[in-house]
């Protein structure tokens, strides 16, 4: 995470794809961070249904 913050501060780009509502790519910050498309999709859809 530290490296991502430094990269973002220097370049404006943290090093992963830009979020958009089509793919919903999200960086999952674990021991080995990886981008995932629409993680926790089921939970998100549940919350959307409550609006």
PDB file of N, CA and C in Angstrom:
ATOM      1  N   UNK A   1       0.827  -1.184   0.000  1.00  0.00           N
ATOM      2  CA  UNK A   1       0.000   0.000   0.000  1.00  0.00           C
ATOM      3  C   UNK A   1       0.872   1.247   0.000  1.00  0.00           C
ATOM      4  N   UNK A   2       1.953   1.188   0.747  1.00  0.00           N
ATOM      5  CA  UNK A   2       2.866   2.328   0.816  1.00  0.00           C
ATOM      6  C   UNK A   2       3.374   2.693  -0.576  1.00  0.00           C
ATOM      7  N   UNK A   3       3.761   1.683  -1.333  1.00  0.00           N
ATOM      8  CA  UNK A   3       4.263   1.915  -2.687  1.00  0.00           C
ATOM      9  C   UNK A   3       3.188   2.532  -3.567  1.00  0.00           C
ATOM     10  N   UNK A   4       1.957   2.067  -3.443  1.00  0.00           N
ATOM     11  CA  UNK A   4       0.858   2.622  -4.234  1.00  0.00           C
ATOM     12  C   UNK A   4       0.645   4.099  -3.910  1.00  0.00           C
ATOM     13  N   UNK A   5       0.689   4.462  -2.625  1.00  0.00           N
ATOM     14  CA  UNK A   5       0.524   5.866  -2.239  1.00  0.00           C
ATOM     15  C   UNK A   5       1.659   6.721  -2.792  1.00  0.00           C
ATOM     16  N   UNK A   6       2.875   6.234  -2.709  1.00  0.00           N
ATOM     17  CA  UNK A   6       4.008   6.990  -3.246  1.00  0.00           C
ATOM     18  C   UNK A   6       3.899   7.153  -4.759  1.00  0.00           C
ATOM     19  N   UNK A   7       3.552   6.086  -5.444  1.00  0.00           N
ATOM     20  CA  UNK A   7       3.391   6.157  -6.899  1.00  0.00           C
ATOM     21  C   UNK A   7       2.294   7.145  -7.259  1.00  0.00           C
ATOM     22  N   UNK A   8       1.177   7.079  -6.546  1.00  0.00           N
ATOM     23  CA  UNK A   8       0.067   7.997  -6.802  1.00  0.00           C
ATOM     24  C   UNK A   8       0.485   9.447  -6.537  1.00  0.00           C
ATOM     25  N   UNK A   9       1.218   9.690  -5.464  1.00  0.00           N
ATOM     26  CA  UNK A   9       1.669  11.049  -5.143  1.00  0.00           C
ATOM     27  C   UNK A   9       2.602  11.598  -6.220  1.00  0.00           C
ATOM     28  N   UNK A  10       3.447  10.736  -6.766  1.00  0.00           N
ATOM     29  CA  UNK A  10       4.411  11.177  -7.772  1.00  0.00           C
ATOM     30  C   UNK A  10       3.799  11.325  -9.158  1.00  0.00           C
ATOM     31  N   UNK A  11       2.893  10.397  -9.524  1.00  0.00           N
ATOM     32  CA  UNK A  11       2.427  10.335 -10.911  1.00  0.00           C
ATOM     33  C   UNK A  11       0.935  10.598 -11.086  1.00  0.00           C
ATOM     34  N   UNK A  12       0.164  10.502  -9.996  1.00  0.00           N
ATOM     35  CA  UNK A  12      -1.287  10.614 -10.117  1.00  0.00           C
ATOM     36  C   UNK A  12      -1.936   9.306 -10.513  1.00  0.00           C
ATOM     37  N   UNK A  13      -1.138   8.254 -10.625  1.00  0.00           N
ATOM     38  CA  UNK A  13      -1.636   6.929 -11.002  1.00  0.00           C
ATOM     39  C   UNK A  13      -1.132   5.914  -9.979  1.00  0.00           C
ATOM     40  N   UNK A  14      -2.038   5.233  -9.245  1.00  0.00           N
ATOM     41  CA  UNK A  14      -1.578   4.290  -8.228  1.00  0.00           C
ATOM     42  C   UNK A  14      -1.058   2.973  -8.795  1.00  0.00           C
ATOM     43  N   UNK A  15      -1.259   2.736 -10.076  1.00  0.00           N
ATOM     44  CA  UNK A  15      -0.719   1.522 -10.685  1.00  0.00           C
ATOM     45  C   UNK A  15      -1.741   0.436 -10.938  1.00  0.00           C
ATOM     46  N   UNK A  16      -3.026   0.783 -10.874  1.00  0.00           N
ATOM     47  CA  UNK A  16      -4.066  -0.188 -11.207  1.00  0.00           C
ATOM     48  C   UNK A  16      -5.125   0.496 -12.044  1.00  0.00           C
ATOM     49  N   UNK A  17      -6.006  -0.298 -12.675  1.00  0.00           N
ATOM     50  CA  UNK A  17      -6.998   0.282 -13.587  1.00  0.00           C
ATOM     51  C   UNK A  17      -7.937   1.274 -12.889  1.00  0.00           C
ATOM     52  N   UNK A  18      -8.362   2.273 -13.641  1.00  0.00           N
ATOM     53  CA  UNK A  18      -9.327   3.244 -13.154  1.00  0.00           C
ATOM     54  C   UNK A  18     -10.670   2.572 -12.945  1.00  0.00           C
ATOM     55  N   UNK A  19     -11.339   2.935 -11.858  1.00  0.00           N
ATOM     56  CA  UNK A  19     -12.651   2.362 -11.560  1.00  0.00           C
ATOM     57  C   UNK A  19     -13.686   2.872 -12.548  1.00  0.00           C
ATOM     58  N   UNK A  20     -14.538   1.978 -13.022  1.00  0.00           N
ATOM     59  CA  UNK A  20     -15.702   2.373 -13.810  1.00  0.00           C
ATOM     60  C   UNK A  20     -16.850   1.439 -13.464  1.00  0.00           C
ATOM     61  N   UNK A  21     -18.067   1.871 -13.737  1.00  0.00           N
ATOM     62  CA  UNK A  21     -19.236   1.101 -13.313  1.00  0.00           C
ATOM     63  C   UNK A  21     -19.530  -0.097 -14.215  1.00  0.00           C
ATOM     64  N   UNK A  22     -18.790  -0.262 -15.299  1.00  0.00           N
ATOM     65  CA  UNK A  22     -18.979  -1.428 -16.150  1.00  0.00           C
ATOM     66  C   UNK A  22     -18.252  -2.641 -15.575  1.00  0.00           C
ATOM     67  N   UNK A  23     -16.957  -2.492 -15.318  1.00  0.00           N
ATOM     68  CA  UNK A  23     -16.170  -3.626 -14.806  1.00  0.00           C
ATOM     69  C   UNK A  23     -16.034  -3.604 -13.295  1.00  0.00           C
ATOM     70  N   UNK A  24     -16.179  -2.414 -12.677  1.00  0.00           N
ATOM     71  CA  UNK A  24     -16.049  -2.236 -11.239  1.00  0.00           C
ATOM     72  C   UNK A  24     -14.730  -2.813 -10.703  1.00  0.00           C
ATOM     73  N   UNK A  25     -13.651  -2.600 -11.474  1.00  0.00           N
ATOM     74  CA  UNK A  25     -12.350  -3.103 -11.050  1.00  0.00           C
ATOM     75  C   UNK A  25     -11.921  -2.404  -9.767  1.00  0.00           C
ATOM     76  N   UNK A  26     -11.593  -3.201  -8.770  1.00  0.00           N
ATOM     77  CA  UNK A  26     -11.218  -2.713  -7.454  1.00  0.00           C
ATOM     78  C   UNK A  26      -9.925  -3.404  -7.029  1.00  0.00           C
ATOM     79  N   UNK A  27      -8.990  -2.641  -6.486  1.00  0.00           N
ATOM     80  CA  UNK A  27      -7.762  -3.246  -5.979  1.00  0.00           C
ATOM     81  C   UNK A  27      -8.069  -3.839  -4.605  1.00  0.00           C
ATOM     82  N   UNK A  28      -7.898  -5.138  -4.492  1.00  0.00           N
ATOM     83  CA  UNK A  28      -8.115  -5.833  -3.225  1.00  0.00           C
ATOM     84  C   UNK A  28      -6.767  -5.866  -2.506  1.00  0.00           C
ATOM     85  N   UNK A  29      -6.711  -5.152  -1.391  1.00  0.00           N
ATOM     86  CA  UNK A  29      -5.441  -4.982  -0.678  1.00  0.00           C
ATOM     87  C   UNK A  29      -5.242  -6.102   0.322  1.00  0.00           C
ATOM     88  N   UNK A  30      -4.579  -7.134  -0.146  1.00  0.00           N
ATOM     89  CA  UNK A  30      -4.201  -8.275   0.680  1.00  0.00           C
ATOM     90  C   UNK A  30      -2.683  -8.333   0.721  1.00  0.00           C
ATOM     91  N   UNK A  31      -2.129  -9.423   1.201  1.00  0.00           N
ATOM     92  CA  UNK A  31      -0.675  -9.544   1.228  1.00  0.00           C
ATOM     93  C   UNK A  31      -0.078  -9.455  -0.175  1.00  0.00           C
ATOM     94  N   UNK A  32      -0.804  -9.981  -1.152  1.00  0.00           N
ATOM     95  CA  UNK A  32      -0.408  -9.857  -2.561  1.00  0.00           C
ATOM     96  C   UNK A  32      -1.543  -9.123  -3.282  1.00  0.00           C
ATOM     97  N   UNK A  33      -1.563  -7.770  -3.233  1.00  0.00           N
ATOM     98  CA  UNK A  33      -2.670  -7.005  -3.810  1.00  0.00           C
ATOM     99  C   UNK A  33      -2.905  -7.333  -5.281  1.00  0.00           C
ATOM    100  N   UNK A  34      -4.173  -7.506  -5.635  1.00  0.00           N
ATOM    101  CA  UNK A  34      -4.544  -7.793  -7.012  1.00  0.00           C
ATOM    102  C   UNK A  34      -5.843  -7.069  -7.363  1.00  0.00           C
ATOM    103  N   UNK A  35      -5.958  -6.607  -8.621  1.00  0.00           N
ATOM    104  CA  UNK A  35      -7.218  -6.003  -9.037  1.00  0.00           C
ATOM    105  C   UNK A  35      -8.246  -7.098  -9.319  1.00  0.00           C
ATOM    106  N   UNK A  36      -9.472  -6.884  -8.892  1.00  0.00           N
ATOM    107  CA  UNK A  36     -10.559  -7.838  -9.146  1.00  0.00           C
ATOM    108  C   UNK A  36     -11.748  -7.081  -9.708  1.00  0.00           C
ATOM    109  N   UNK A  37     -12.429  -7.697 -10.670  1.00  0.00           N
ATOM    110  CA  UNK A  37     -13.630  -7.099 -11.222  1.00  0.00           C
ATOM    111  C   UNK A  37     -14.823  -7.417 -10.337  1.00  0.00           C
ATOM    112  N   UNK A  38     -15.451  -6.366  -9.829  1.00  0.00           N
ATOM    113  CA  UNK A  38     -16.680  -6.441  -9.037  1.00  0.00           C
ATOM    114  C   UNK A  38     -16.597  -7.427  -7.869  1.00  0.00           C
ATOM    115  N   UNK A  39     -15.598  -7.252  -6.987  1.00  0.00           N
ATOM    116  CA  UNK A  39     -15.548  -8.128  -5.819  1.00  0.00           C
ATOM    117  C   UNK A  39     -16.757  -7.875  -4.927  1.00  0.00           C
ATOM    118  N   UNK A  40     -17.192  -8.885  -4.248  1.00  0.00           N
ATOM    119  CA  UNK A  40     -18.348  -8.812  -3.337  1.00  0.00           C
ATOM    120  C   UNK A  40     -19.607  -8.365  -4.080  1.00  0.00           C
ATOM    121  N   UNK A  41     -19.737  -8.846  -5.310  1.00  0.00           N
ATOM    122  CA  UNK A  41     -20.869  -8.517  -6.173  1.00  0.00           C
ATOM    123  C   UNK A  41     -22.206  -8.797  -5.493  1.00  0.00           C
ATOM    124  N   UNK A  42     -22.337  -9.946  -4.864  1.00  0.00           N
ATOM    125  CA  UNK A  42     -23.601 -10.316  -4.236  1.00  0.00           C
ATOM    126  C   UNK A  42     -23.981  -9.329  -3.133  1.00  0.00           C
ATOM    127  N   UNK A  43     -22.997  -8.921  -2.331  1.00  0.00           N
ATOM    128  CA  UNK A  43     -23.253  -7.967  -1.254  1.00  0.00           C
ATOM    129  C   UNK A  43     -23.665  -6.600  -1.825  1.00  0.00           C
ATOM    130  N   UNK A  44     -22.987  -6.172  -2.876  1.00  0.00           N
ATOM    131  CA  UNK A  44     -23.322  -4.894  -3.510  1.00  0.00           C
ATOM    132  C   UNK A  44     -24.744  -4.918  -4.048  1.00  0.00           C
ATOM    133  N   UNK A  45     -25.118  -6.002  -4.704  1.00  0.00           N
ATOM    134  CA  UNK A  45     -26.471  -6.108  -5.262  1.00  0.00           C
ATOM    135  C   UNK A  45     -27.525  -6.114  -4.161  1.00  0.00           C
ATOM    136  N   UNK A  46     -27.217  -6.756  -3.043  1.00  0.00           N
ATOM    137  CA  UNK A  46     -28.143  -6.744  -1.906  1.00  0.00           C
ATOM    138  C   UNK A  46     -28.377  -5.327  -1.430  1.00  0.00           C
ATOM    139  N   UNK A  47     -27.307  -4.554  -1.240  1.00  0.00           N
ATOM    140  CA  UNK A  47     -27.449  -3.176  -0.780  1.00  0.00           C
ATOM    141  C   UNK A  47     -28.188  -2.315  -1.803  1.00  0.00           C
ATOM    142  N   UNK A  48     -27.913  -2.542  -3.090  1.00  0.00           N
ATOM    143  CA  UNK A  48     -28.633  -1.775  -4.122  1.00  0.00           C
ATOM    144  C   UNK A  48     -30.126  -2.047  -4.070  1.00  0.00           C
ATOM    145  N   UNK A  49     -30.506  -3.270  -3.723  1.00  0.00           N
ATOM    146  CA  UNK A  49     -31.915  -3.635  -3.637  1.00  0.00           C
ATOM    147  C   UNK A  49     -32.630  -2.988  -2.462  1.00  0.00           C
ATOM    148  N   UNK A  50     -31.874  -2.483  -1.487  1.00  0.00           N
ATOM    149  CA  UNK A  50     -32.463  -1.864  -0.311  1.00  0.00           C
ATOM    150  C   UNK A  50     -32.729  -0.370  -0.475  1.00  0.00           C
ATOM    151  N   UNK A  51     -32.303   0.173  -1.596  1.00  0.00           N
ATOM    152  CA  UNK A  51     -32.503   1.623  -1.813  1.00  0.00           C
ATOM    153  C   UNK A  51     -33.923   1.917  -2.143  1.00  0.00           C
TER     154      UNK A  51
END
